[in-house]
């Protein structure tokens, strides 16, 4: 993951989360899922982040 992509993921997490602590949890869940699934991070994953929110 690049620093730019991590910043983008953080911004998207804040947009979809209701509260700052939820954004942190969502960000961490997304990062762990990306690492676990060996997904190549890309902007195309933004819609996927909404699904991670449902899981976390």
PDB file of N, CA and C in Angstrom:
ATOM      1  N   UNK A   1       0.839  -1.173   0.000  1.00  0.00           N
ATOM      2  CA  UNK A   1       0.000   0.000   0.000  1.00  0.00           C
ATOM      3  C   UNK A   1       0.881   1.232   0.000  1.00  0.00           C
ATOM      4  N   UNK A   2       0.493   2.203  -0.768  1.00  0.00           N
ATOM      5  CA  UNK A   2       1.231   3.460  -0.780  1.00  0.00           C
ATOM      6  C   UNK A   2       0.638   4.421   0.243  1.00  0.00           C
ATOM      7  N   UNK A   3       1.411   5.423   0.603  1.00  0.00           N
ATOM      8  CA  UNK A   3       0.933   6.419   1.559  1.00  0.00           C
ATOM      9  C   UNK A   3      -0.294   7.143   1.006  1.00  0.00           C
ATOM     10  N   UNK A   4      -0.295   7.390  -0.275  1.00  0.00           N
ATOM     11  CA  UNK A   4      -1.435   8.050  -0.916  1.00  0.00           C
ATOM     12  C   UNK A   4      -2.687   7.199  -0.804  1.00  0.00           C
ATOM     13  N   UNK A   5      -2.537   5.893  -1.036  1.00  0.00           N
ATOM     14  CA  UNK A   5      -3.698   5.016  -0.965  1.00  0.00           C
ATOM     15  C   UNK A   5      -4.214   4.897   0.460  1.00  0.00           C
ATOM     16  N   UNK A   6      -3.325   4.862   1.420  1.00  0.00           N
ATOM     17  CA  UNK A   6      -3.733   4.800   2.822  1.00  0.00           C
ATOM     18  C   UNK A   6      -4.504   6.069   3.190  1.00  0.00           C
ATOM     19  N   UNK A   7      -4.030   7.220   2.723  1.00  0.00           N
ATOM     20  CA  UNK A   7      -4.738   8.475   2.989  1.00  0.00           C
ATOM     21  C   UNK A   7      -6.122   8.466   2.352  1.00  0.00           C
ATOM     22  N   UNK A   8      -6.210   7.942   1.135  1.00  0.00           N
ATOM     23  CA  UNK A   8      -7.501   7.856   0.453  1.00  0.00           C
ATOM     24  C   UNK A   8      -8.435   6.918   1.203  1.00  0.00           C
ATOM     25  N   UNK A   9      -7.924   5.780   1.627  1.00  0.00           N
ATOM     26  CA  UNK A   9      -8.744   4.823   2.378  1.00  0.00           C
ATOM     27  C   UNK A   9      -9.253   5.458   3.671  1.00  0.00           C
ATOM     28  N   UNK A  10      -8.402   6.218   4.336  1.00  0.00           N
ATOM     29  CA  UNK A  10      -8.825   6.905   5.552  1.00  0.00           C
ATOM     30  C   UNK A  10      -9.938   7.910   5.286  1.00  0.00           C
ATOM     31  N   UNK A  11      -9.815   8.650   4.191  1.00  0.00           N
ATOM     32  CA  UNK A  11     -10.848   9.626   3.835  1.00  0.00           C
ATOM     33  C   UNK A  11     -12.169   8.938   3.510  1.00  0.00           C
ATOM     34  N   UNK A  12     -12.091   7.837   2.791  1.00  0.00           N
ATOM     35  CA  UNK A  12     -13.308   7.097   2.447  1.00  0.00           C
ATOM     36  C   UNK A  12     -13.937   6.508   3.707  1.00  0.00           C
ATOM     37  N   UNK A  13     -13.124   5.993   4.607  1.00  0.00           N
ATOM     38  CA  UNK A  13     -13.646   5.438   5.863  1.00  0.00           C
ATOM     39  C   UNK A  13     -14.364   6.518   6.659  1.00  0.00           C
ATOM     40  N   UNK A  14     -13.788   7.712   6.710  1.00  0.00           N
ATOM     41  CA  UNK A  14     -14.436   8.799   7.439  1.00  0.00           C
ATOM     42  C   UNK A  14     -15.759   9.190   6.787  1.00  0.00           C
ATOM     43  N   UNK A  15     -15.829   9.104   5.474  1.00  0.00           N
ATOM     44  CA  UNK A  15     -17.055   9.457   4.766  1.00  0.00           C
ATOM     45  C   UNK A  15     -18.173   8.457   5.073  1.00  0.00           C
ATOM     46  N   UNK A  16     -17.854   7.172   5.133  1.00  0.00           N
ATOM     47  CA  UNK A  16     -18.872   6.146   5.325  1.00  0.00           C
ATOM     48  C   UNK A  16     -19.208   5.885   6.780  1.00  0.00           C
ATOM     49  N   UNK A  17     -18.338   6.274   7.678  1.00  0.00           N
ATOM     50  CA  UNK A  17     -18.561   6.010   9.102  1.00  0.00           C
ATOM     51  C   UNK A  17     -19.426   7.106   9.706  1.00  0.00           C
ATOM     52  N   UNK A  18     -20.102   6.751  10.754  1.00  0.00           N
ATOM     53  CA  UNK A  18     -20.937   7.726  11.439  1.00  0.00           C
ATOM     54  C   UNK A  18     -20.169   8.579  12.430  1.00  0.00           C
ATOM     55  N   UNK A  19     -19.129   8.004  13.025  1.00  0.00           N
ATOM     56  CA  UNK A  19     -18.353   8.697  14.055  1.00  0.00           C
ATOM     57  C   UNK A  19     -16.863   8.457  13.805  1.00  0.00           C
ATOM     58  N   UNK A  20     -15.995   9.322  14.369  1.00  0.00           N
ATOM     59  CA  UNK A  20     -14.556   9.137  14.170  1.00  0.00           C
ATOM     60  C   UNK A  20     -14.039   7.775  14.631  1.00  0.00           C
ATOM     61  N   UNK A  21     -14.552   7.267  15.762  1.00  0.00           N
ATOM     62  CA  UNK A  21     -14.069   5.966  16.223  1.00  0.00           C
ATOM     63  C   UNK A  21     -14.524   4.851  15.278  1.00  0.00           C
ATOM     64  N   UNK A  22     -15.701   5.000  14.672  1.00  0.00           N
ATOM     65  CA  UNK A  22     -16.145   4.026  13.672  1.00  0.00           C
ATOM     66  C   UNK A  22     -15.263   4.092  12.431  1.00  0.00           C
ATOM     67  N   UNK A  23     -14.831   5.296  12.067  1.00  0.00           N
ATOM     68  CA  UNK A  23     -13.946   5.446  10.913  1.00  0.00           C
ATOM     69  C   UNK A  23     -12.632   4.717  11.147  1.00  0.00           C
ATOM     70  N   UNK A  24     -12.096   4.833  12.357  1.00  0.00           N
ATOM     71  CA  UNK A  24     -10.854   4.124  12.690  1.00  0.00           C
ATOM     72  C   UNK A  24     -11.048   2.611  12.597  1.00  0.00           C
ATOM     73  N   UNK A  25     -12.170   2.137  13.150  1.00  0.00           N
ATOM     74  CA  UNK A  25     -12.450   0.696  13.094  1.00  0.00           C
ATOM     75  C   UNK A  25     -12.623   0.227  11.653  1.00  0.00           C
ATOM     76  N   UNK A  26     -13.338   1.003  10.855  1.00  0.00           N
ATOM     77  CA  UNK A  26     -13.556   0.659   9.463  1.00  0.00           C
ATOM     78  C   UNK A  26     -12.243   0.632   8.695  1.00  0.00           C
ATOM     79  N   UNK A  27     -11.406   1.630   8.928  1.00  0.00           N
ATOM     80  CA  UNK A  27     -10.099   1.696   8.276  1.00  0.00           C
ATOM     81  C   UNK A  27      -9.264   0.461   8.629  1.00  0.00           C
ATOM     82  N   UNK A  28      -9.224   0.126   9.910  1.00  0.00           N
ATOM     83  CA  UNK A  28      -8.434  -1.031  10.337  1.00  0.00           C
ATOM     84  C   UNK A  28      -8.992  -2.336   9.777  1.00  0.00           C
ATOM     85  N   UNK A  29     -10.310  -2.469   9.772  1.00  0.00           N
ATOM     86  CA  UNK A  29     -10.927  -3.675   9.207  1.00  0.00           C
ATOM     87  C   UNK A  29     -10.603  -3.813   7.726  1.00  0.00           C
ATOM     88  N   UNK A  30     -10.680  -2.707   7.022  1.00  0.00           N
ATOM     89  CA  UNK A  30     -10.384  -2.729   5.580  1.00  0.00           C
ATOM     90  C   UNK A  30      -8.919  -3.105   5.347  1.00  0.00           C
ATOM     91  N   UNK A  31      -8.019  -2.520   6.105  1.00  0.00           N
ATOM     92  CA  UNK A  31      -6.590  -2.836   5.934  1.00  0.00           C
ATOM     93  C   UNK A  31      -6.314  -4.309   6.222  1.00  0.00           C
ATOM     94  N   UNK A  32      -6.892  -4.824   7.290  1.00  0.00           N
ATOM     95  CA  UNK A  32      -6.687  -6.238   7.614  1.00  0.00           C
ATOM     96  C   UNK A  32      -7.264  -7.143   6.536  1.00  0.00           C
ATOM     97  N   UNK A  33      -8.438  -6.809   6.022  1.00  0.00           N
ATOM     98  CA  UNK A  33      -9.044  -7.619   4.959  1.00  0.00           C
ATOM     99  C   UNK A  33      -8.204  -7.576   3.699  1.00  0.00           C
ATOM    100  N   UNK A  34      -7.680  -6.415   3.365  1.00  0.00           N
ATOM    101  CA  UNK A  34      -6.837  -6.283   2.174  1.00  0.00           C
ATOM    102  C   UNK A  34      -5.592  -7.143   2.314  1.00  0.00           C
ATOM    103  N   UNK A  35      -4.970  -7.110   3.483  1.00  0.00           N
ATOM    104  CA  UNK A  35      -3.777  -7.925   3.711  1.00  0.00           C
ATOM    105  C   UNK A  35      -4.111  -9.412   3.726  1.00  0.00           C
ATOM    106  N   UNK A  36      -5.196  -9.754   4.404  1.00  0.00           N
ATOM    107  CA  UNK A  36      -5.591 -11.154   4.526  1.00  0.00           C
ATOM    108  C   UNK A  36      -5.960 -11.753   3.172  1.00  0.00           C
ATOM    109  N   UNK A  37      -6.681 -10.988   2.378  1.00  0.00           N
ATOM    110  CA  UNK A  37      -7.131 -11.484   1.076  1.00  0.00           C
ATOM    111  C   UNK A  37      -6.112 -11.256  -0.032  1.00  0.00           C
ATOM    112  N   UNK A  38      -5.039 -10.561   0.319  1.00  0.00           N
ATOM    113  CA  UNK A  38      -3.993 -10.227  -0.659  1.00  0.00           C
ATOM    114  C   UNK A  38      -4.583  -9.486  -1.867  1.00  0.00           C
ATOM    115  N   UNK A  39      -5.453  -8.543  -1.554  1.00  0.00           N
ATOM    116  CA  UNK A  39      -6.074  -7.713  -2.581  1.00  0.00           C
ATOM    117  C   UNK A  39      -5.129  -6.570  -2.906  1.00  0.00           C
ATOM    118  N   UNK A  40      -5.000  -6.275  -4.187  1.00  0.00           N
ATOM    119  CA  UNK A  40      -4.202  -5.122  -4.581  1.00  0.00           C
ATOM    120  C   UNK A  40      -5.039  -3.870  -4.350  1.00  0.00           C
ATOM    121  N   UNK A  41      -4.604  -2.969  -3.460  1.00  0.00           N
ATOM    122  CA  UNK A  41      -5.396  -1.781  -3.186  1.00  0.00           C
ATOM    123  C   UNK A  41      -5.499  -0.883  -4.416  1.00  0.00           C
ATOM    124  N   UNK A  42      -6.679  -0.442  -4.718  1.00  0.00           N
ATOM    125  CA  UNK A  42      -6.901   0.471  -5.834  1.00  0.00           C
ATOM    126  C   UNK A  42      -8.154   1.281  -5.555  1.00  0.00           C
ATOM    127  N   UNK A  43      -8.324   2.403  -6.253  1.00  0.00           N
ATOM    128  CA  UNK A  43      -9.537   3.199  -6.064  1.00  0.00           C
ATOM    129  C   UNK A  43     -10.814   2.420  -6.359  1.00  0.00           C
ATOM    130  N   UNK A  44     -10.726   1.374  -7.149  1.00  0.00           N
ATOM    131  CA  UNK A  44     -11.904   0.569  -7.472  1.00  0.00           C
ATOM    132  C   UNK A  44     -12.464  -0.142  -6.240  1.00  0.00           C
ATOM    133  N   UNK A  45     -11.695  -0.208  -5.160  1.00  0.00           N
ATOM    134  CA  UNK A  45     -12.160  -0.872  -3.947  1.00  0.00           C
ATOM    135  C   UNK A  45     -13.049   0.005  -3.073  1.00  0.00           C
ATOM    136  N   UNK A  46     -13.223   1.250  -3.436  1.00  0.00           N
ATOM    137  CA  UNK A  46     -14.028   2.143  -2.600  1.00  0.00           C
ATOM    138  C   UNK A  46     -15.426   1.595  -2.346  1.00  0.00           C
ATOM    139  N   UNK A  47     -16.149   1.106  -3.365  1.00  0.00           N
ATOM    140  CA  UNK A  47     -17.473   0.542  -3.078  1.00  0.00           C
ATOM    141  C   UNK A  47     -17.397  -0.666  -2.126  1.00  0.00           C
ATOM    142  N   UNK A  48     -16.319  -1.419  -2.213  1.00  0.00           N
ATOM    143  CA  UNK A  48     -16.120  -2.580  -1.355  1.00  0.00           C
ATOM    144  C   UNK A  48     -16.055  -2.169   0.109  1.00  0.00           C
ATOM    145  N   UNK A  49     -15.544  -0.965   0.351  1.00  0.00           N
ATOM    146  CA  UNK A  49     -15.409  -0.495   1.719  1.00  0.00           C
ATOM    147  C   UNK A  49     -16.769  -0.417   2.405  1.00  0.00           C
ATOM    148  N   UNK A  50     -17.804  -0.115   1.652  1.00  0.00           N
ATOM    149  CA  UNK A  50     -19.145  -0.087   2.245  1.00  0.00           C
ATOM    150  C   UNK A  50     -19.519  -1.459   2.789  1.00  0.00           C
ATOM    151  N   UNK A  51     -19.084  -2.505   2.114  1.00  0.00           N
ATOM    152  CA  UNK A  51     -19.369  -3.870   2.572  1.00  0.00           C
ATOM    153  C   UNK A  51     -18.575  -4.186   3.828  1.00  0.00           C
ATOM    154  N   UNK A  52     -17.342  -3.712   3.912  1.00  0.00           N
ATOM    155  CA  UNK A  52     -16.525  -3.945   5.101  1.00  0.00           C
ATOM    156  C   UNK A  52     -17.217  -3.314   6.308  1.00  0.00           C
ATOM    157  N   UNK A  53     -17.832  -2.167   6.093  1.00  0.00           N
ATOM    158  CA  UNK A  53     -18.534  -1.509   7.201  1.00  0.00           C
ATOM    159  C   UNK A  53     -19.624  -2.414   7.761  1.00  0.00           C
ATOM    160  N   UNK A  54     -20.296  -3.138   6.896  1.00  0.00           N
ATOM    161  CA  UNK A  54     -21.342  -4.050   7.349  1.00  0.00           C
ATOM    162  C   UNK A  54     -20.802  -5.215   8.144  1.00  0.00           C
ATOM    163  N   UNK A  55     -19.552  -5.582   7.876  1.00  0.00           N
ATOM    164  CA  UNK A  55     -18.932  -6.716   8.551  1.00  0.00           C
ATOM    165  C   UNK A  55     -18.377  -6.301   9.900  1.00  0.00           C
ATOM    166  N   UNK A  56     -17.808  -5.094   9.961  1.00  0.00           N
ATOM    167  CA  UNK A  56     -17.096  -4.673  11.167  1.00  0.00           C
ATOM    168  C   UNK A  56     -17.997  -4.314  12.305  1.00  0.00           C
TER     169      UNK A  56
END
